[in-house]
Protein backbone atom coordinates (compact mmCIF):
# COMPACT_ATOMS: atom_id res chain seq x y z
CA MET A 1 35.20 6.45 -18.55
CA ILE A 2 33.82 9.60 -17.83
CA LEU A 3 30.37 7.51 -18.36
CA SER A 4 30.56 4.89 -17.36
CA LEU A 5 30.82 6.89 -13.99
CA GLY A 6 28.00 7.91 -14.33
CA MET A 7 25.87 5.24 -14.79
CA MET A 8 27.26 3.36 -11.21
CA GLY A 9 25.21 5.56 -10.23
CA CYS A 10 21.71 5.18 -12.13
CA SER A 11 21.15 1.17 -11.05
CA PRO A 12 18.04 0.18 -12.03
CA ILE A 13 15.54 -0.36 -8.34
CA ARG A 14 14.82 -3.68 -8.35
CA HIS A 15 11.24 -4.63 -6.86
CA ASP A 16 10.17 -7.79 -5.27
CA GLU A 17 6.36 -7.75 -5.83
CA ASN A 18 5.89 -10.67 -3.97
CA LEU A 19 6.89 -8.98 -0.37
CA ALA A 20 5.07 -5.49 -1.60
CA LYS A 21 2.06 -7.90 -2.29
CA GLN A 22 2.14 -9.02 1.20
CA ARG A 23 2.58 -6.26 3.19
CA ALA A 24 0.11 -4.95 1.12
CA LEU A 25 -2.78 -8.09 2.49
CA GLU A 26 -1.12 -7.32 5.34
CA PHE A 27 -1.75 -3.69 6.03
CA ALA A 28 -5.32 -4.47 4.65
CA GLU A 29 -5.86 -7.68 7.36
CA ILE A 30 -5.11 -5.00 9.74
CA VAL A 31 -7.02 -2.00 8.73
CA LEU A 32 -9.79 -2.75 6.53
CA VAL A 33 -10.76 -6.59 8.06
CA LYS A 34 -9.42 -6.25 11.27
CA HIS A 35 -10.77 -1.93 11.95
CA ASN A 36 -7.26 -1.46 13.69
CA ILE A 37 -7.44 1.57 13.12
CA GLU A 38 -4.34 2.71 15.31
CA GLN A 39 -1.40 -0.35 14.13
CA GLY A 40 -2.62 0.30 10.30
CA TYR A 41 -1.35 4.12 11.09
CA ALA A 42 2.28 2.68 12.57
CA GLN A 43 2.34 0.72 10.01
CA LEU A 44 2.08 3.35 7.03
CA SER A 45 5.35 5.21 5.66
CA ASP A 46 6.93 8.33 7.49
CA SER A 47 5.94 10.26 3.71
CA ALA A 48 2.79 9.34 4.50
CA LYS A 49 2.81 9.82 8.46
CA HIS A 50 4.27 13.30 7.57
CA TYR A 51 1.16 14.69 5.74
CA VAL A 52 -1.76 12.74 8.20
CA SER A 53 -2.34 12.12 11.50
CA GLU A 54 -3.41 9.29 12.72
CA GLU A 55 -7.23 10.66 13.47
CA LYS A 56 -7.21 11.99 9.72
CA PHE A 57 -6.52 8.88 8.85
CA LYS A 58 -9.41 7.03 11.03
CA GLU A 59 -11.23 9.49 9.18
CA THR A 60 -10.37 8.31 6.13
CA ILE A 61 -10.93 5.04 6.60
CA SER A 62 -14.75 4.79 7.91
CA ARG A 63 -15.60 8.09 5.05
CA LEU A 64 -14.47 5.50 2.62
CA HIS A 65 -16.47 2.44 4.24
CA PRO A 66 -20.36 3.82 4.56
CA ASP A 67 -21.31 1.38 3.20
CA GLY A 68 -19.18 -1.89 5.47
CA TYR A 69 -16.08 -3.64 5.65
CA PRO A 70 -15.06 -6.55 3.93
CA THR A 71 -13.95 -9.23 5.47
CA ARG A 72 -12.36 -10.61 3.07
CA VAL A 73 -9.20 -10.13 1.02
CA THR A 74 -7.01 -10.32 -1.56
CA VAL A 75 -4.75 -9.75 -4.46
CA THR A 76 -5.86 -8.28 -7.58
CA GLY A 77 -2.81 -7.28 -9.43
CA TYR A 78 0.13 -4.91 -8.89
CA LYS A 79 2.24 -2.36 -11.03
CA PRO A 80 5.63 -1.61 -10.43
CA ILE A 81 6.39 2.04 -11.01
CA PHE A 82 10.24 1.30 -12.57
CA ASN A 83 13.34 3.29 -11.38
CA GLU A 84 10.13 4.02 -9.35
CA LYS A 85 10.18 3.47 -5.15
CA VAL A 86 6.70 2.84 -5.05
CA ILE A 87 4.46 -0.32 -6.28
CA TYR A 88 0.78 0.03 -6.74
CA ILE A 89 -0.91 -3.24 -5.08
CA PHE A 90 -4.69 -4.00 -6.35
CA LEU A 91 -6.33 -6.00 -3.60
CA SER A 92 -10.00 -7.32 -4.15
CA GLY A 93 -12.82 -7.27 -0.40
CA THR A 94 -15.53 -9.19 -0.33
CA ASN A 95 -18.17 -9.17 2.80
CA SER A 96 -20.96 -11.88 2.51
CA ASP A 97 -23.41 -8.64 -0.30
CA LYS A 98 -20.41 -6.36 -0.91
CA GLN A 99 -17.39 -6.26 -2.71
CA PHE A 100 -14.86 -4.02 -2.67
CA GLN A 101 -11.78 -2.87 -4.53
CA TYR A 102 -8.68 -0.87 -3.68
CA MET A 103 -5.18 0.34 -5.12
CA LEU A 104 -2.67 1.25 -2.27
CA THR A 105 0.96 2.87 -3.13
CA LEU A 106 3.45 1.27 -1.14
CA GLU A 107 6.40 2.86 -0.88
CA GLY A 108 10.57 1.14 -1.38
CA THR A 109 11.89 -1.48 -2.47
CA ALA A 110 13.43 -4.76 -2.88
CA ALA A 111 16.15 -4.10 -0.69
CA SER A 112 14.40 -1.69 2.23
CA ASP A 113 11.02 -3.66 2.13
CA TYR A 114 7.36 -1.69 2.25
CA LYS A 115 5.40 0.31 3.45
CA VAL A 116 1.45 1.75 2.80
CA SER A 117 1.58 5.29 1.69
CA VAL A 118 -1.92 5.90 0.12
CA ILE A 119 -5.05 3.67 -0.14
CA ILE A 120 -7.67 4.40 -2.36
CA ARG A 121 -11.66 2.67 -2.36
CA THR A 122 -12.10 2.54 -6.34
CA SER A 123 -15.18 1.23 -6.09
């Protein structure tokens, strides 16, 4: 009985990869393609907003793109973290002459929805 009570509180976290991919694409379209930093900042997770100001977010996005921005983004992969409220979404972006690669960390679950907490440009 003690074992069954202990296991009830340890249910695995379920991820919805399609929902996470959708949220990552929405965020990338707003921030990277449309350059709407204010709207993108509003969509960040609460934890991200606690450690980065809107001005710092704007500076970071600008610093990640000294060679321009993508005009189109697509999801290239994902990696849910087992039993954690984190999923990584990998994106590829293009413009007329450049390729961009990104990794977005999203916080959340299938039940709670997802919000971006970290964006990294990998190339």
